């Protein structure tokens, strides 16, 4: 993503049994390895021998958060959006999980934003002096609007297909809006017009290649 020109990159973080933050979405390894073992029950040493499905059907090790953040050393100006998953919060406790992730991102060379679906974790991260916070929420509702006004995060994240249809603008606030799950340039322009400051795509190089072919 960084090599393709992205200046903002979001990734998910789980904690291992020995409290090592690693970059992976699922707690359960079934989808990526065929094994039902859970990240939160395995040590960082256990993970050294595990490979998951990577680009081009290759097998890749699970990177640590420190490994992932080190990639930004070669891309000055890029920002890391680091989402702590709720399964790790439930397993190890909110204060422990948030504190470990914040400790890692404080030592990063790039700007970092702490994210979570867990609004209490976002609140706690701010209390623990996070540089910037973001709340990922669902569904789009008056309750979410009320909570966003109370949290006052720096960023609000919503999946594009959960935004109500129409042209009504996004909720006003001091935050920046991020719409994720975008898979075309047309969709990105449409949702940007309604107030999204940033759009998140799952595979930026593939989308750019697809758009170039359509132009041809």
Protein backbone atom coordinates (compact mmCIF):
# COMPACT_ATOMS: atom_id res chain seq x y z
CA UNK A 1 0.00 0.00 0.00
CA UNK A 2 2.75 2.45 0.93
CA UNK A 3 4.68 1.65 -2.25
CA UNK A 4 1.48 2.24 -4.24
CA UNK A 5 1.29 5.78 -2.88
CA UNK A 6 -1.04 5.49 0.11
CA UNK A 7 -0.29 8.11 2.76
CA UNK A 8 -2.60 6.55 5.34
CA UNK A 9 -2.54 2.82 6.09
CA UNK A 10 -4.88 1.03 8.49
CA UNK A 11 -4.18 -2.35 10.05
CA UNK A 12 -5.59 -4.49 12.83
CA UNK A 13 -3.79 -5.63 15.96
CA UNK A 14 -4.29 -8.64 18.22
CA UNK A 15 -2.27 -9.54 21.32
CA UNK A 16 -0.52 -12.88 21.79
CA UNK A 17 -0.66 -14.83 25.03
CA UNK A 18 2.60 -13.18 26.10
CA UNK A 19 1.20 -9.73 25.23
CA UNK A 20 3.05 -9.15 21.96
CA UNK A 21 0.98 -6.99 19.57
CA UNK A 22 0.83 -8.56 16.10
CA UNK A 23 -0.81 -7.37 12.90
CA UNK A 24 -3.72 -9.65 12.04
CA UNK A 25 -7.50 -9.19 11.84
CA UNK A 26 -8.87 -12.51 13.05
CA UNK A 27 -8.26 -13.88 16.51
CA UNK A 28 -9.03 -17.37 15.20
CA UNK A 29 -6.51 -18.65 12.62
CA UNK A 30 -9.04 -20.87 10.82
CA UNK A 31 -9.54 -18.58 7.81
CA UNK A 32 -5.83 -17.96 7.21
CA UNK A 33 -4.24 -21.27 8.17
CA UNK A 34 -6.99 -23.88 8.44
CA UNK A 35 -6.24 -24.22 12.17
CA UNK A 36 -8.74 -23.21 14.85
CA UNK A 37 -6.02 -21.98 17.22
CA UNK A 38 -6.41 -18.48 18.61
CA UNK A 39 -3.81 -15.73 18.51
CA UNK A 40 -4.57 -14.72 22.09
CA UNK A 41 -3.80 -18.28 23.29
CA UNK A 42 -0.47 -18.55 21.45
CA UNK A 43 2.85 -17.04 22.45
CA UNK A 44 4.99 -14.94 20.12
CA UNK A 45 7.39 -17.92 19.96
CA UNK A 46 4.52 -20.17 18.80
CA UNK A 47 3.75 -17.71 16.01
CA UNK A 48 7.27 -17.83 14.62
CA UNK A 49 6.48 -21.20 13.03
CA UNK A 50 3.06 -20.22 11.67
CA UNK A 51 2.54 -18.95 8.13
CA UNK A 52 -0.67 -17.36 6.84
CA UNK A 53 -2.01 -16.79 3.34
CA UNK A 54 -0.28 -13.75 1.86
CA UNK A 55 -0.23 -11.88 -1.46
CA UNK A 56 -0.21 -14.02 -4.61
CA UNK A 57 -1.16 -17.11 -2.58
CA UNK A 58 2.19 -17.06 -0.79
CA UNK A 59 2.73 -17.98 2.83
CA UNK A 60 3.88 -15.21 5.14
CA UNK A 61 4.79 -14.91 8.82
CA UNK A 62 2.47 -12.85 11.02
CA UNK A 63 4.20 -9.48 11.48
CA UNK A 64 4.57 -7.81 14.84
CA UNK A 65 3.22 -4.28 15.26
CA UNK A 66 6.82 -3.06 15.54
CA UNK A 67 7.66 -4.74 12.19
CA UNK A 68 4.70 -3.07 10.51
CA UNK A 69 5.48 0.37 11.90
CA UNK A 70 9.10 0.08 10.79
CA UNK A 71 7.89 0.07 7.16
CA UNK A 72 6.88 3.69 7.61
CA UNK A 73 10.53 4.64 8.15
CA UNK A 74 10.92 4.63 4.36
CA UNK A 75 7.75 6.62 3.71
CA UNK A 76 8.00 9.97 5.51
CA UNK A 77 4.70 11.74 5.85
CA UNK A 78 2.62 8.55 5.96
CA UNK A 79 0.31 7.89 8.92
CA UNK A 80 -0.45 4.53 10.59
CA UNK A 81 -4.03 3.86 11.68
CA UNK A 82 -3.75 1.12 14.30
CA UNK A 83 -6.93 -0.72 15.29
CA UNK A 84 -6.93 -2.76 18.49
CA UNK A 85 -9.42 -5.61 18.10
CA UNK A 86 -12.09 -6.21 20.70
CA UNK A 87 -11.23 -9.91 21.11
CA UNK A 88 -7.85 -8.93 22.58
CA UNK A 89 -9.50 -6.34 24.82
CA UNK A 90 -11.89 -8.99 26.15
CA UNK A 91 -9.08 -11.49 26.71
CA UNK A 92 -6.55 -9.26 28.48
CA UNK A 93 -8.58 -6.34 29.79
CA UNK A 94 -9.01 -2.87 28.41
CA UNK A 95 -6.28 -1.10 30.36
CA UNK A 96 -3.64 -3.74 29.61
CA UNK A 97 -4.42 -4.04 25.90
CA UNK A 98 -4.67 -0.29 25.28
CA UNK A 99 -1.52 0.42 27.26
CA UNK A 100 0.56 -2.13 25.32
CA UNK A 101 -0.50 -0.80 21.92
CA UNK A 102 0.03 2.82 22.94
CA UNK A 103 3.51 2.00 24.20
CA UNK A 104 4.42 0.60 20.78
CA UNK A 105 3.01 3.44 18.72
CA UNK A 106 4.64 6.08 20.93
CA UNK A 107 8.00 4.77 19.74
CA UNK A 108 7.07 4.77 16.05
CA UNK A 109 8.79 7.16 13.67
CA UNK A 110 5.49 7.98 11.95
CA UNK A 111 2.30 9.66 13.16
CA UNK A 112 -0.07 7.01 14.59
CA UNK A 113 -3.79 7.00 15.33
CA UNK A 114 -5.20 4.57 17.91
CA UNK A 115 -8.48 3.01 16.72
CA UNK A 116 -11.06 0.66 18.15
CA UNK A 117 -14.70 -0.39 17.84
CA UNK A 118 -14.68 -0.35 21.65
CA UNK A 119 -15.65 3.21 22.55
CA UNK A 120 -14.40 2.77 26.10
CA UNK A 121 -10.97 1.82 24.75
CA UNK A 122 -10.96 5.01 22.66
CA UNK A 123 -11.87 7.01 25.76
CA UNK A 124 -9.14 5.31 27.76
CA UNK A 125 -6.54 5.87 25.03
CA UNK A 126 -7.23 9.58 25.18
CA UNK A 127 -6.89 9.53 28.98
CA UNK A 128 -3.55 7.74 28.48
CA UNK A 129 -2.40 10.60 26.21
CA UNK A 130 -2.76 8.97 22.79
CA UNK A 131 -1.56 11.37 20.10
CA UNK A 132 -4.79 10.84 18.14
CA UNK A 133 -7.80 8.53 18.41
CA UNK A 134 -10.44 7.12 16.12
CA UNK A 135 -13.71 5.35 16.78
CA UNK A 136 -14.96 2.67 14.37
CA UNK A 137 -18.69 2.26 14.79
CA UNK A 138 -21.80 0.51 13.59
CA UNK A 139 -24.65 0.88 12.94
CA UNK A 140 -25.36 4.42 11.71
CA UNK A 141 -27.84 5.54 14.38
CA UNK A 142 -28.78 8.37 16.72
CA UNK A 143 -27.03 6.47 19.53
CA UNK A 144 -23.77 6.41 17.56
CA UNK A 145 -24.17 10.12 16.81
CA UNK A 146 -24.65 10.85 20.52
CA UNK A 147 -21.63 8.72 21.46
CA UNK A 148 -19.44 10.39 18.82
CA UNK A 149 -20.33 13.81 20.24
CA UNK A 150 -19.35 12.61 23.72
CA UNK A 151 -16.12 10.88 22.64
CA UNK A 152 -14.95 13.63 20.29
CA UNK A 153 -12.42 11.36 18.54
CA UNK A 154 -10.05 12.77 15.95
CA UNK A 155 -11.45 10.31 13.38
CA UNK A 156 -14.78 8.56 12.85
CA UNK A 157 -14.75 5.34 10.81
CA UNK A 158 -17.82 3.86 9.10
CA UNK A 159 -18.10 1.11 6.50
CA UNK A 160 -19.35 2.65 3.25
CA UNK A 161 -22.23 0.21 2.83
CA UNK A 162 -23.52 1.15 6.30
CA UNK A 163 -23.97 4.80 5.35
CA UNK A 164 -27.65 5.54 4.65
CA UNK A 165 -28.47 5.86 0.96
CA UNK A 166 -28.99 9.33 -0.45
CA UNK A 167 -27.02 12.53 -0.52
CA UNK A 168 -27.42 13.77 3.05
CA UNK A 169 -24.06 14.94 4.42
CA UNK A 170 -22.20 13.17 7.21
CA UNK A 171 -22.60 14.40 10.79
CA UNK A 172 -20.70 17.64 11.39
CA UNK A 173 -17.98 17.67 14.02
CA UNK A 174 -14.34 18.39 14.75
CA UNK A 175 -13.39 14.86 13.64
CA UNK A 176 -12.31 13.66 10.21
CA UNK A 177 -14.52 11.07 8.54
CA UNK A 178 -13.06 7.83 7.13
CA UNK A 179 -15.24 5.56 4.97
CA UNK A 180 -13.86 2.06 4.52
CA UNK A 181 -14.83 -0.84 2.25
CA UNK A 182 -14.49 1.31 -0.89
CA UNK A 183 -13.72 -0.65 -4.06
CA UNK A 184 -14.00 1.87 -6.91
CA UNK A 185 -12.96 5.40 -7.73
CA UNK A 186 -16.58 6.35 -8.47
CA UNK A 187 -17.69 5.19 -5.02
CA UNK A 188 -14.80 7.10 -3.44
CA UNK A 189 -15.83 10.34 -5.19
CA UNK A 190 -19.49 9.84 -4.27
CA UNK A 191 -18.86 9.32 -0.58
CA UNK A 192 -16.24 12.07 -0.47
CA UNK A 193 -18.90 14.48 -1.75
CA UNK A 194 -21.03 13.63 1.30
CA UNK A 195 -18.27 14.47 3.77
CA UNK A 196 -15.72 11.64 3.92
CA UNK A 197 -12.27 13.16 4.38
CA UNK A 198 -10.49 9.85 3.73
CA UNK A 199 -11.51 6.63 1.98
CA UNK A 200 -10.07 3.22 2.76
CA UNK A 201 -9.67 0.51 0.12
CA UNK A 202 -8.67 -3.09 0.78
CA UNK A 203 -6.31 -3.38 -2.17
CA UNK A 204 -5.16 -0.03 -3.56
CA UNK A 205 -2.85 -1.39 -6.32
CA UNK A 206 -5.63 -3.66 -7.63
CA UNK A 207 -8.16 -0.80 -7.65
CA UNK A 208 -5.75 1.51 -9.47
CA UNK A 209 -5.02 -1.17 -12.07
CA UNK A 210 -8.73 -1.79 -12.56
CA UNK A 211 -9.42 1.91 -13.05
CA UNK A 212 -6.57 2.18 -15.58
CA UNK A 213 -8.03 -0.71 -17.61
CA UNK A 214 -11.46 0.94 -17.60
CA UNK A 215 -9.89 4.13 -18.95
CA UNK A 216 -8.22 2.17 -21.75
